[in-house]
């Protein structure tokens, strides 16, 4: 199905927020550096993968390292 650019922006915003929500639940405070890095990710599939990884990752440092690989 065709997705408009507005829908795509909304989906990315929701995906980013879901990653942040998981990290906040697991680790309490999420550093601004992680939030800023997530804001720079445009690919929706990358954000979906990061969401899955945020559920299982062992620490915020490990997650930040994962983001630096992107």
C-alpha atoms as a PDB file:
ATOM      1  CA  UNK A   1       0.000   0.000   0.000  1.00  0.00           C
ATOM      2  CA  UNK A   2       1.045   3.561  -0.688  1.00  0.00           C
ATOM      3  CA  UNK A   3       2.233   5.517   2.350  1.00  0.00           C
ATOM      4  CA  UNK A   4       2.190   9.289   2.224  1.00  0.00           C
ATOM      5  CA  UNK A   5       5.174  11.266   3.455  1.00  0.00           C
ATOM      6  CA  UNK A   6       3.111  12.508   6.400  1.00  0.00           C
ATOM      7  CA  UNK A   7       2.252   8.940   7.379  1.00  0.00           C
ATOM      8  CA  UNK A   8       5.900   7.929   7.070  1.00  0.00           C
ATOM      9  CA  UNK A   9       7.025  10.774   9.336  1.00  0.00           C
ATOM     10  CA  UNK A  10       4.376   9.784  11.885  1.00  0.00           C
ATOM     11  CA  UNK A  11       5.448   6.134  11.759  1.00  0.00           C
ATOM     12  CA  UNK A  12       9.100   7.090  12.334  1.00  0.00           C
ATOM     13  CA  UNK A  13       8.118   9.305  15.249  1.00  0.00           C
ATOM     14  CA  UNK A  14       6.101   6.486  16.830  1.00  0.00           C
ATOM     15  CA  UNK A  15       8.918   3.988  16.250  1.00  0.00           C
ATOM     16  CA  UNK A  16      11.498   6.315  17.834  1.00  0.00           C
ATOM     17  CA  UNK A  17       9.262   6.929  20.819  1.00  0.00           C
ATOM     18  CA  UNK A  18       8.681   3.206  21.302  1.00  0.00           C
ATOM     19  CA  UNK A  19      12.450   2.653  21.495  1.00  0.00           C
ATOM     20  CA  UNK A  20      12.777   5.462  24.044  1.00  0.00           C
ATOM     21  CA  UNK A  21       9.840   4.103  26.056  1.00  0.00           C
ATOM     22  CA  UNK A  22      11.398   0.651  26.300  1.00  0.00           C
ATOM     23  CA  UNK A  23      14.747   2.083  27.337  1.00  0.00           C
ATOM     24  CA  UNK A  24      13.073   4.282  29.961  1.00  0.00           C
ATOM     25  CA  UNK A  25      11.179   1.324  31.386  1.00  0.00           C
ATOM     26  CA  UNK A  26      14.315  -0.792  31.535  1.00  0.00           C
ATOM     27  CA  UNK A  27      16.959   1.761  32.525  1.00  0.00           C
ATOM     28  CA  UNK A  28      15.007   4.803  33.834  1.00  0.00           C
ATOM     29  CA  UNK A  29      16.764   7.859  32.375  1.00  0.00           C
ATOM     30  CA  UNK A  30      17.722   7.834  28.727  1.00  0.00           C
ATOM     31  CA  UNK A  31      20.648  10.143  27.905  1.00  0.00           C
ATOM     32  CA  UNK A  32      20.077  12.977  25.445  1.00  0.00           C
ATOM     33  CA  UNK A  33      22.858  11.543  23.281  1.00  0.00           C
ATOM     34  CA  UNK A  34      20.777   8.429  22.637  1.00  0.00           C
ATOM     35  CA  UNK A  35      17.632  10.444  21.943  1.00  0.00           C
ATOM     36  CA  UNK A  36      19.529  12.708  19.532  1.00  0.00           C
ATOM     37  CA  UNK A  37      21.013   9.694  17.744  1.00  0.00           C
ATOM     38  CA  UNK A  38      17.563   8.134  17.373  1.00  0.00           C
ATOM     39  CA  UNK A  39      16.227  11.403  15.945  1.00  0.00           C
ATOM     40  CA  UNK A  40      18.777  11.190  13.135  1.00  0.00           C
ATOM     41  CA  UNK A  41      17.666   7.721  11.988  1.00  0.00           C
ATOM     42  CA  UNK A  42      15.396   7.968   8.955  1.00  0.00           C
ATOM     43  CA  UNK A  43      14.986   4.315   7.980  1.00  0.00           C
ATOM     44  CA  UNK A  44      11.867   2.828   9.577  1.00  0.00           C
ATOM     45  CA  UNK A  45      13.260  -0.703   9.394  1.00  0.00           C
ATOM     46  CA  UNK A  46      16.349   0.391  11.333  1.00  0.00           C
ATOM     47  CA  UNK A  47      14.108   1.858  14.028  1.00  0.00           C
ATOM     48  CA  UNK A  48      12.068  -1.361  14.205  1.00  0.00           C
ATOM     49  CA  UNK A  49      15.266  -3.382  14.626  1.00  0.00           C
ATOM     50  CA  UNK A  50      16.478  -1.018  17.350  1.00  0.00           C
ATOM     51  CA  UNK A  51      13.156  -1.427  19.127  1.00  0.00           C
ATOM     52  CA  UNK A  52      13.605  -5.195  19.219  1.00  0.00           C
ATOM     53  CA  UNK A  53      17.193  -4.838  20.397  1.00  0.00           C
ATOM     54  CA  UNK A  54      16.210  -2.336  23.091  1.00  0.00           C
ATOM     55  CA  UNK A  55      14.080  -5.029  24.704  1.00  0.00           C
ATOM     56  CA  UNK A  56      17.001  -7.439  25.099  1.00  0.00           C
ATOM     57  CA  UNK A  57      20.107  -5.253  25.364  1.00  0.00           C
ATOM     58  CA  UNK A  58      22.034  -5.445  28.635  1.00  0.00           C
ATOM     59  CA  UNK A  59      22.799  -1.746  29.195  1.00  0.00           C
ATOM     60  CA  UNK A  60      22.422   1.776  27.873  1.00  0.00           C
ATOM     61  CA  UNK A  61      26.127   1.780  27.031  1.00  0.00           C
ATOM     62  CA  UNK A  62      25.656  -1.269  24.838  1.00  0.00           C
ATOM     63  CA  UNK A  63      22.678   0.376  23.147  1.00  0.00           C
ATOM     64  CA  UNK A  64      24.669   3.547  22.550  1.00  0.00           C
ATOM     65  CA  UNK A  65      27.474   1.488  21.005  1.00  0.00           C
ATOM     66  CA  UNK A  66      24.903  -0.156  18.752  1.00  0.00           C
ATOM     67  CA  UNK A  67      23.693   3.272  17.653  1.00  0.00           C
ATOM     68  CA  UNK A  68      27.235   4.370  16.888  1.00  0.00           C
ATOM     69  CA  UNK A  69      27.513   1.469  14.443  1.00  0.00           C
ATOM     70  CA  UNK A  70      24.623   2.890  12.377  1.00  0.00           C
END
